[in-house]
Amino acid sequence: MTDALSPAAASILPLRIEDLILRLHRRQLLGPLSLTLSAGPRSISLGPNGAGKSLLLRICHGLLRPTGGTIAWQAPAAIARGRQAMVFQRPVLLRRSVAANVDFALKLRRVADSERPGRVAAALEATGLAPLSQQPARSLSGGEQQRLALARAWAVQPEVLFLDEPTASLDPSSARAVENIIASIHRAGTKIIMTTHDLGLARRLADEIVFLHQGRLLDHQPAGAFFGFPATEEARAFLAGTLDW
């Protein structure tokens, strides 16, 4: 098996989104929206509730089909699907041990039996869960469950990792632990595409900001420029906490 991060594997990036539209129940929720996400920078999507951040993430990951427009990876869709992973705000864990949850993710990706134990152990060590490897996954605290979801995703070595509000509802200590893991996954070579409401987290982690409001892309620029010189009145109001939904 060739891992997503192996030099032998051609990149699935950039991801090109052209004239994307999403309508549900006769209501337009996204678009028209065009955006290119390239390898390297951590891309963090900001915007108020209802801006369309999570919808866009799900469309990119293939969980929702847009009403119009195109979503195109650099690689064929079948290859791209196998080189990405997604972690949700509330992870769904299997009724089995912590280690078995990670192993099952590897089994689904058809990782060889001989290789899986080492990758499970490495992922649990990297996320601080090694001492809990034999505990039932659903007995973990909220922060530990989110770390397990990240371990499960990291173990499959994705080229792209989608994260939907990964620190929401976590206490500050748990949120910082999750943040540190995300930074480590990025340093290992995985492209991070993430949504968050936490401006502090975005300032610390983001390399570029994708700012959405009412289903429209209003700003896409380096994080330093966005936070220092937001390009639109809506972005300025969002940072000031005065933007209406």
C-alpha atoms as a PDB file:
ATOM      1  CA  MET A   1       0.000   0.000   0.000  1.00  0.00           C
ATOM      2  CA  THR A   2       1.257   3.505  -0.858  1.00  0.00           C
ATOM      3  CA  ASP A   3       0.519   6.000   1.920  1.00  0.00           C
ATOM      4  CA  ALA A   4      -0.944   9.400   1.128  1.00  0.00           C
ATOM      5  CA  LEU A   5       2.234  11.153   2.272  1.00  0.00           C
ATOM      6  CA  SER A   6       4.640   8.859   0.411  1.00  0.00           C
ATOM      7  CA  PRO A   7       6.812  10.609  -2.200  1.00  0.00           C
ATOM      8  CA  ALA A   8       5.558   7.985  -4.661  1.00  0.00           C
ATOM      9  CA  ALA A   9       1.999   9.255  -4.305  1.00  0.00           C
ATOM     10  CA  ALA A  10       1.058  12.139  -6.597  1.00  0.00           C
ATOM     11  CA  SER A  11      -0.610  14.984  -4.716  1.00  0.00           C
ATOM     12  CA  ILE A  12      -4.375  15.314  -4.775  1.00  0.00           C
ATOM     13  CA  LEU A  13      -4.005  19.078  -4.262  1.00  0.00           C
ATOM     14  CA  PRO A  14      -4.864  21.733  -5.188  1.00  0.00           C
ATOM     15  CA  LEU A  15      -8.603  21.491  -4.634  1.00  0.00           C
ATOM     16  CA  ARG A  16     -10.437  23.760  -7.054  1.00  0.00           C
ATOM     17  CA  ILE A  17     -14.002  24.877  -6.395  1.00  0.00           C
ATOM     18  CA  GLU A  18     -15.745  26.706  -9.228  1.00  0.00           C
ATOM     19  CA  ASP A  19     -19.136  28.444  -9.078  1.00  0.00           C
ATOM     20  CA  LEU A  20     -20.353  26.151  -6.313  1.00  0.00           C
ATOM     21  CA  ILE A  21     -24.002  26.435  -5.309  1.00  0.00           C
ATOM     22  CA  LEU A  22     -25.936  24.514  -2.669  1.00  0.00           C
ATOM     23  CA  ARG A  23     -29.716  24.758  -2.406  1.00  0.00           C
ATOM     24  CA  LEU A  24     -31.862  22.884   0.086  1.00  0.00           C
ATOM     25  CA  HIS A  25     -35.659  23.173   0.252  1.00  0.00           C
ATOM     26  CA  ARG A  26     -35.611  25.993  -2.310  1.00  0.00           C
ATOM     27  CA  ARG A  27     -33.227  28.015  -0.174  1.00  0.00           C
ATOM     28  CA  GLN A  28     -29.756  28.874  -1.427  1.00  0.00           C
ATOM     29  CA  LEU A  29     -27.306  28.106   1.388  1.00  0.00           C
ATOM     30  CA  LEU A  30     -24.022  28.472  -0.461  1.00  0.00           C
ATOM     31  CA  GLY A  31     -22.698  30.332  -3.445  1.00  0.00           C
ATOM     32  CA  PRO A  32     -22.011  31.003  -6.055  1.00  0.00           C
ATOM     33  CA  LEU A  33     -18.545  30.417  -4.618  1.00  0.00           C
ATOM     34  CA  SER A  34     -15.127  29.836  -6.175  1.00  0.00           C
ATOM     35  CA  LEU A  35     -12.038  28.913  -4.177  1.00  0.00           C
ATOM     36  CA  THR A  36      -8.692  27.155  -4.627  1.00  0.00           C
ATOM     37  CA  LEU A  37      -7.004  25.411  -1.694  1.00  0.00           C
ATOM     38  CA  SER A  38      -3.379  24.483  -2.264  1.00  0.00           C
ATOM     39  CA  ALA A  39      -0.941  22.208  -0.469  1.00  0.00           C
ATOM     40  CA  GLY A  40       0.925  23.648   2.491  1.00  0.00           C
ATOM     41  CA  PRO A  41      -0.854  26.425   4.360  1.00  0.00           C
ATOM     42  CA  ARG A  42      -3.340  25.610   7.101  1.00  0.00           C
ATOM     43  CA  SER A  43      -6.676  26.904   5.795  1.00  0.00           C
ATOM     44  CA  ILE A  44      -9.140  27.970   8.471  1.00  0.00           C
ATOM     45  CA  SER A  45     -12.703  28.963   7.624  1.00  0.00           C
ATOM     46  CA  LEU A  46     -14.255  31.682   9.765  1.00  0.00           C
ATOM     47  CA  GLY A  47     -17.704  33.239   9.782  1.00  0.00           C
ATOM     48  CA  PRO A  48     -20.805  33.534  11.950  1.00  0.00           C
ATOM     49  CA  ASN A  49     -23.281  30.721  12.548  1.00  0.00           C
ATOM     50  CA  GLY A  50     -25.117  29.908   9.353  1.00  0.00           C
ATOM     51  CA  ALA A  51     -22.341  31.238   7.128  1.00  0.00           C
ATOM     52  CA  GLY A  52     -21.981  27.864   5.406  1.00  0.00           C
ATOM     53  CA  LYS A  53     -18.596  26.795   6.801  1.00  0.00           C
ATOM     54  CA  SER A  54     -19.570  23.248   7.760  1.00  0.00           C
ATOM     55  CA  LEU A  55     -21.601  22.784   4.581  1.00  0.00           C
ATOM     56  CA  LEU A  56     -18.596  23.744   2.476  1.00  0.00           C
ATOM     57  CA  LEU A  57     -16.378  21.344   4.417  1.00  0.00           C
ATOM     58  CA  ARG A  58     -18.822  18.483   3.880  1.00  0.00           C
ATOM     59  CA  ILE A  59     -19.072  19.210   0.173  1.00  0.00           C
ATOM     60  CA  CYS A  60     -15.282  19.224  -0.167  1.00  0.00           C
ATOM     61  CA  HIS A  61     -15.082  15.875   1.638  1.00  0.00           C
ATOM     62  CA  GLY A  62     -17.794  14.392  -0.549  1.00  0.00           C
ATOM     63  CA  LEU A  63     -20.490  14.050   2.123  1.00  0.00           C
ATOM     64  CA  LEU A  64     -22.825  16.483   0.357  1.00  0.00           C
ATOM     65  CA  ARG A  65     -23.404  16.963  -3.335  1.00  0.00           C
ATOM     66  CA  PRO A  66     -23.617  20.588  -4.527  1.00  0.00           C
ATOM     67  CA  THR A  67     -26.572  21.778  -6.552  1.00  0.00           C
ATOM     68  CA  GLY A  68     -24.282  23.414  -9.070  1.00  0.00           C
ATOM     69  CA  GLY A  69     -20.647  24.101  -9.849  1.00  0.00           C
ATOM     70  CA  THR A  70     -17.627  21.824  -9.707  1.00  0.00           C
ATOM     71  CA  ILE A  71     -15.317  20.358  -7.053  1.00  0.00           C
ATOM     72  CA  ALA A  72     -12.096  19.087  -8.608  1.00  0.00           C
ATOM     73  CA  TRP A  73      -9.044  17.538  -6.974  1.00  0.00           C
ATOM     74  CA  GLN A  74      -5.734  17.356  -8.805  1.00  0.00           C
ATOM     75  CA  ALA A  75      -6.049  13.554  -8.715  1.00  0.00           C
ATOM     76  CA  PRO A  76      -9.018  11.429  -9.854  1.00  0.00           C
ATOM     77  CA  ALA A  77     -11.907  11.422  -7.384  1.00  0.00           C
ATOM     78  CA  ALA A  78     -11.436   7.761  -6.424  1.00  0.00           C
ATOM     79  CA  ILE A  79      -7.822   8.411  -5.451  1.00  0.00           C
ATOM     80  CA  ALA A  80      -8.665  11.664  -3.673  1.00  0.00           C
ATOM     81  CA  ARG A  81     -11.250   9.938  -1.477  1.00  0.00           C
ATOM     82  CA  GLY A  82      -8.618   7.572  -0.130  1.00  0.00           C
ATOM     83  CA  ARG A  83      -6.183  10.330   0.771  1.00  0.00           C
ATOM     84  CA  GLN A  84      -8.361  12.465   2.988  1.00  0.00           C
ATOM     85  CA  ALA A  85     -10.005  12.173   6.386  1.00  0.00           C
ATOM     86  CA  MET A  86     -12.445  14.199   8.447  1.00  0.00           C
ATOM     87  CA  VAL A  87     -12.948  14.797  12.172  1.00  0.00           C
ATOM     88  CA  PHE A  88     -16.286  16.148  13.375  1.00  0.00           C
ATOM     89  CA  GLN A  89     -17.188  18.309  16.342  1.00  0.00           C
ATOM     90  CA  ARG A  90     -18.783  15.268  18.004  1.00  0.00           C
ATOM     91  CA  PRO A  91     -16.834  12.174  16.959  1.00  0.00           C
ATOM     92  CA  VAL A  92     -18.604   8.869  16.472  1.00  0.00           C
ATOM     93  CA  LEU A  93     -16.658   6.147  18.268  1.00  0.00           C
ATOM     94  CA  LEU A  94     -17.088   2.403  18.010  1.00  0.00           C
ATOM     95  CA  ARG A  95     -18.092   0.235  20.974  1.00  0.00           C
ATOM     96  CA  ARG A  96     -14.615  -1.158  21.384  1.00  0.00           C
ATOM     97  CA  SER A  97     -11.306  -0.165  22.917  1.00  0.00           C
ATOM     98  CA  VAL A  98      -9.335   2.970  22.146  1.00  0.00           C
ATOM     99  CA  ALA A  99      -6.716   0.965  20.259  1.00  0.00           C
ATOM    100  CA  ALA A 100      -9.348  -1.040  18.385  1.00  0.00           C
ATOM    101  CA  ASN A 101     -10.969   2.178  17.138  1.00  0.00           C
ATOM    102  CA  VAL A 102      -7.697   3.217  15.524  1.00  0.00           C
ATOM    103  CA  ASP A 103      -7.042  -0.277  14.198  1.00  0.00           C
ATOM    104  CA  PHE A 104     -10.482  -0.414  12.578  1.00  0.00           C
ATOM    105  CA  ALA A 105      -9.783   2.811  10.667  1.00  0.00           C
ATOM    106  CA  LEU A 106      -6.581   1.268   9.329  1.00  0.00           C
ATOM    107  CA  LYS A 107      -8.369  -1.947   8.427  1.00  0.00           C
ATOM    108  CA  LEU A 108     -10.915   0.034   6.403  1.00  0.00           C
ATOM    109  CA  ARG A 109      -8.014   1.588   4.494  1.00  0.00           C
ATOM    110  CA  ARG A 110      -6.655  -1.920   3.820  1.00  0.00           C
ATOM    111  CA  VAL A 111      -3.422  -1.355   5.719  1.00  0.00           C
ATOM    112  CA  ALA A 112      -1.550  -4.653   6.060  1.00  0.00           C
ATOM    113  CA  ASP A 113      -2.119  -6.646   9.252  1.00  0.00           C
ATOM    114  CA  SER A 114       1.596  -6.614  10.027  1.00  0.00           C
ATOM    115  CA  GLU A 115       1.763  -2.813   9.792  1.00  0.00           C
ATOM    116  CA  ARG A 116      -1.316  -1.883  11.793  1.00  0.00           C
ATOM    117  CA  PRO A 117      -0.080  -2.472  15.379  1.00  0.00           C
ATOM    118  CA  GLY A 118       2.870  -0.135  14.912  1.00  0.00           C
ATOM    119  CA  ARG A 119       0.730   2.591  13.412  1.00  0.00           C
ATOM    120  CA  VAL A 120      -1.875   2.251  16.153  1.00  0.00           C
ATOM    121  CA  ALA A 121       0.799   2.540  18.832  1.00  0.00           C
ATOM    122  CA  ALA A 122       2.415   5.545  17.139  1.00  0.00           C
ATOM    123  CA  ALA A 123      -0.898   7.405  16.769  1.00  0.00           C
ATOM    124  CA  LEU A 124      -1.887   6.792  20.393  1.00  0.00           C
ATOM    125  CA  GLU A 125       1.543   7.853  21.646  1.00  0.00           C
ATOM    126  CA  ALA A 126       1.453  11.031  19.572  1.00  0.00           C
ATOM    127  CA  THR A 127      -1.974  11.991  20.952  1.00  0.00           C
ATOM    128  CA  GLY A 128      -1.225  11.096  24.571  1.00  0.00           C
ATOM    129  CA  LEU A 129      -3.651   8.170  24.623  1.00  0.00           C
ATOM    130  CA  ALA A 130      -1.214   5.276  24.913  1.00  0.00           C
ATOM    131  CA  PRO A 131      -1.992   4.708  28.634  1.00  0.00           C
ATOM    132  CA  LEU A 132      -5.690   4.444  27.744  1.00  0.00           C
ATOM    133  CA  SER A 133      -5.294   2.083  24.789  1.00  0.00           C
ATOM    134  CA  GLN A 134      -7.393  -0.750  26.276  1.00  0.00           C
ATOM    135  CA  GLN A 135     -10.144   1.384  27.797  1.00  0.00           C
ATOM    136  CA  PRO A 136     -13.574   1.460  26.128  1.00  0.00           C
ATOM    137  CA  ALA A 137     -13.534   4.412  23.760  1.00  0.00           C
ATOM    138  CA  ARG A 138     -16.942   5.646  24.849  1.00  0.00           C
ATOM    139  CA  SER A 139     -15.798   5.891  28.473  1.00  0.00           C
ATOM    140  CA  LEU A 140     -13.345   8.660  27.609  1.00  0.00           C
ATOM    141  CA  SER A 141     -13.908  12.302  28.450  1.00  0.00           C
ATOM    142  CA  GLY A 142     -14.949  14.697  25.695  1.00  0.00           C
ATOM    143  CA  GLY A 143     -11.412  15.937  25.175  1.00  0.00           C
ATOM    144  CA  GLU A 144     -10.016  12.417  25.126  1.00  0.00           C
ATOM    145  CA  GLN A 145     -12.636  11.335  22.598  1.00  0.00           C
ATOM    146  CA  GLN A 146     -11.645  14.190  20.310  1.00  0.00           C
ATOM    147  CA  ARG A 147      -7.997  13.212  20.661  1.00  0.00           C
ATOM    148  CA  LEU A 148      -8.961   9.653  19.736  1.00  0.00           C
ATOM    149  CA  ALA A 149     -10.771  10.914  16.650  1.00  0.00           C
ATOM    150  CA  LEU A 150      -7.593  12.767  15.677  1.00  0.00           C
ATOM    151  CA  ALA A 151      -5.466   9.674  16.388  1.00  0.00           C
ATOM    152  CA  ARG A 152      -7.757   7.615  14.167  1.00  0.00           C
ATOM    153  CA  ALA A 153      -7.459  10.149  11.358  1.00  0.00           C
ATOM    154  CA  TRP A 154      -3.715  10.644  11.784  1.00  0.00           C
ATOM    155  CA  ALA A 155      -3.028   6.913  11.701  1.00  0.00           C
ATOM    156  CA  VAL A 156      -4.309   6.624   8.131  1.00  0.00           C
ATOM    157  CA  GLN A 157      -1.774   9.289   7.086  1.00  0.00           C
ATOM    158  CA  PRO A 158      -4.110  11.494   5.033  1.00  0.00           C
ATOM    159  CA  GLU A 159      -2.815  14.121   2.668  1.00  0.00           C
ATOM    160  CA  VAL A 160      -5.776  16.330   3.603  1.00  0.00           C
ATOM    161  CA  LEU A 161      -7.531  16.455   6.971  1.00  0.00           C
ATOM    162  CA  PHE A 162     -10.866  18.252   7.330  1.00  0.00           C
ATOM    163  CA  LEU A 163     -11.724  19.428  10.859  1.00  0.00           C
ATOM    164  CA  ASP A 164     -15.170  20.771  11.730  1.00  0.00           C
ATOM    165  CA  GLU A 165     -15.085  22.818  14.964  1.00  0.00           C
ATOM    166  CA  PRO A 166     -12.695  20.347  16.632  1.00  0.00           C
ATOM    167  CA  THR A 167     -12.370  22.305  19.898  1.00  0.00           C
ATOM    168  CA  ALA A 168     -16.006  23.343  20.355  1.00  0.00           C
ATOM    169  CA  SER A 169     -17.442  22.523  23.804  1.00  0.00           C
ATOM    170  CA  LEU A 170     -14.026  21.535  25.186  1.00  0.00           C
ATOM    171  CA  ASP A 171     -12.506  23.035  28.315  1.00  0.00           C
ATOM    172  CA  PRO A 172      -9.402  25.218  27.737  1.00  0.00           C
ATOM    173  CA  SER A 173      -6.913  22.488  28.665  1.00  0.00           C
ATOM    174  CA  SER A 174      -8.523  19.906  26.364  1.00  0.00           C
ATOM    175  CA  ALA A 175      -8.852  22.453  23.575  1.00  0.00           C
ATOM    176  CA  ARG A 176      -5.162  23.322  23.793  1.00  0.00           C
ATOM    177  CA  ALA A 177      -4.227  19.615  23.688  1.00  0.00           C
ATOM    178  CA  VAL A 178      -6.314  19.194  20.524  1.00  0.00           C
ATOM    179  CA  GLU A 179      -4.746  22.326  19.061  1.00  0.00           C
ATOM    180  CA  ASN A 180      -1.252  20.966  19.687  1.00  0.00           C
ATOM    181  CA  ILE A 181      -2.135  17.685  17.976  1.00  0.00           C
ATOM    182  CA  ILE A 182      -3.466  19.553  14.940  1.00  0.00           C
ATOM    183  CA  ALA A 183      -0.197  21.496  14.751  1.00  0.00           C
ATOM    184  CA  SER A 184       1.751  18.227  14.903  1.00  0.00           C
ATOM    185  CA  ILE A 185      -0.342  16.661  12.141  1.00  0.00           C
ATOM    186  CA  HIS A 186       0.375  19.709   9.993  1.00  0.00           C
ATOM    187  CA  ARG A 187       4.116  19.468  10.673  1.00  0.00           C
ATOM    188  CA  ALA A 188       3.984  15.828   9.588  1.00  0.00           C
ATOM    189  CA  GLY A 189       2.892  16.998   6.136  1.00  0.00           C
ATOM    190  CA  THR A 190      -0.910  16.880   6.166  1.00  0.00           C
ATOM    191  CA  LYS A 191      -2.917  19.755   4.721  1.00  0.00           C
ATOM    192  CA  ILE A 192      -5.317  21.124   7.362  1.00  0.00           C
ATOM    193  CA  ILE A 193      -8.699  22.546   6.314  1.00  0.00           C
ATOM    194  CA  MET A 194     -10.692  23.544   9.374  1.00  0.00           C
ATOM    195  CA  THR A 195     -13.691  25.512  10.591  1.00  0.00           C
ATOM    196  CA  THR A 196     -13.773  27.261  13.964  1.00  0.00           C
ATOM    197  CA  HIS A 197     -15.494  30.018  15.911  1.00  0.00           C
ATOM    198  CA  ASP A 198     -12.438  30.422  18.140  1.00  0.00           C
ATOM    199  CA  LEU A 199     -10.587  33.512  16.959  1.00  0.00           C
ATOM    200  CA  GLY A 200      -7.714  32.799  19.338  1.00  0.00           C
ATOM    201  CA  LEU A 201      -7.213  29.352  17.830  1.00  0.00           C
ATOM    202  CA  ALA A 202      -7.446  30.797  14.318  1.00  0.00           C
ATOM    203  CA  ARG A 203      -4.809  33.404  15.120  1.00  0.00           C
ATOM    204  CA  ARG A 204      -2.477  30.730  16.476  1.00  0.00           C
ATOM    205  CA  LEU A 205      -2.973  28.044  13.828  1.00  0.00           C
ATOM    206  CA  ALA A 206      -4.130  29.616  10.584  1.00  0.00           C
ATOM    207  CA  ASP A 207      -1.821  30.314   7.674  1.00  0.00           C
ATOM    208  CA  GLU A 208      -4.723  31.537   5.556  1.00  0.00           C
ATOM    209  CA  ILE A 209      -8.312  32.517   6.293  1.00  0.00           C
ATOM    210  CA  VAL A 210     -11.393  31.633   4.267  1.00  0.00           C
ATOM    211  CA  PHE A 211     -14.108  34.028   5.470  1.00  0.00           C
ATOM    212  CA  LEU A 212     -17.738  33.182   4.703  1.00  0.00           C
ATOM    213  CA  HIS A 213     -20.899  35.147   5.372  1.00  0.00           C
ATOM    214  CA  GLN A 214     -24.425  34.182   4.309  1.00  0.00           C
ATOM    215  CA  GLY A 215     -23.077  31.451   2.050  1.00  0.00           C
ATOM    216  CA  ARG A 216     -20.704  33.730   0.172  1.00  0.00           C
ATOM    217  CA  LEU A 217     -16.915  33.841   0.146  1.00  0.00           C
ATOM    218  CA  LEU A 218     -16.013  37.390   1.166  1.00  0.00           C
ATOM    219  CA  ASP A 219     -12.306  37.052   1.900  1.00  0.00           C
ATOM    220  CA  HIS A 220      -9.478  34.598   1.271  1.00  0.00           C
ATOM    221  CA  GLN A 221      -6.038  35.816   2.212  1.00  0.00           C
ATOM    222  CA  PRO A 222      -3.074  35.123   4.514  1.00  0.00           C
ATOM    223  CA  ALA A 223      -4.028  35.098   8.172  1.00  0.00           C
ATOM    224  CA  GLY A 224      -1.802  38.026   9.104  1.00  0.00           C
ATOM    225  CA  ALA A 225      -3.386  40.200   6.435  1.00  0.00           C
ATOM    226  CA  PHE A 226      -6.912  39.130   7.372  1.00  0.00           C
ATOM    227  CA  PHE A 227      -6.514  39.895  11.061  1.00  0.00           C
ATOM    228  CA  GLY A 228      -4.514  43.061  10.446  1.00  0.00           C
ATOM    229  CA  PHE A 229      -6.349  44.486   7.429  1.00  0.00           C
ATOM    230  CA  PRO A 230      -9.654  42.672   6.770  1.00  0.00           C
ATOM    231  CA  ALA A 231     -10.766  43.364   3.218  1.00  0.00           C
ATOM    232  CA  THR A 232     -14.500  43.792   3.777  1.00  0.00           C
ATOM    233  CA  GLU A 233     -16.826  45.590   6.145  1.00  0.00           C
ATOM    234  CA  GLU A 234     -18.357  42.228   7.095  1.00  0.00           C
ATOM    235  CA  ALA A 235     -14.950  40.807   8.065  1.00  0.00           C
ATOM    236  CA  ARG A 236     -14.173  43.864  10.163  1.00  0.00           C
ATOM    237  CA  ALA A 237     -17.529  43.574  11.908  1.00  0.00           C
ATOM    238  CA  PHE A 238     -17.001  39.850  12.516  1.00  0.00           C
ATOM    239  CA  LEU A 239     -13.652  40.457  14.197  1.00  0.00           C
ATOM    240  CA  ALA A 240     -15.222  43.203  16.291  1.00  0.00           C
ATOM    241  CA  GLY A 241     -18.107  40.931  17.314  1.00  0.00           C
ATOM    242  CA  THR A 242     -20.749  43.160  15.724  1.00  0.00           C
ATOM    243  CA  LEU A 243     -21.628  41.214  12.562  1.00  0.00           C
ATOM    244  CA  ASP A 244     -25.294  40.294  12.244  1.00  0.00           C
ATOM    245  CA  TRP A 245     -26.092  36.790  10.990  1.00  0.00           C
END
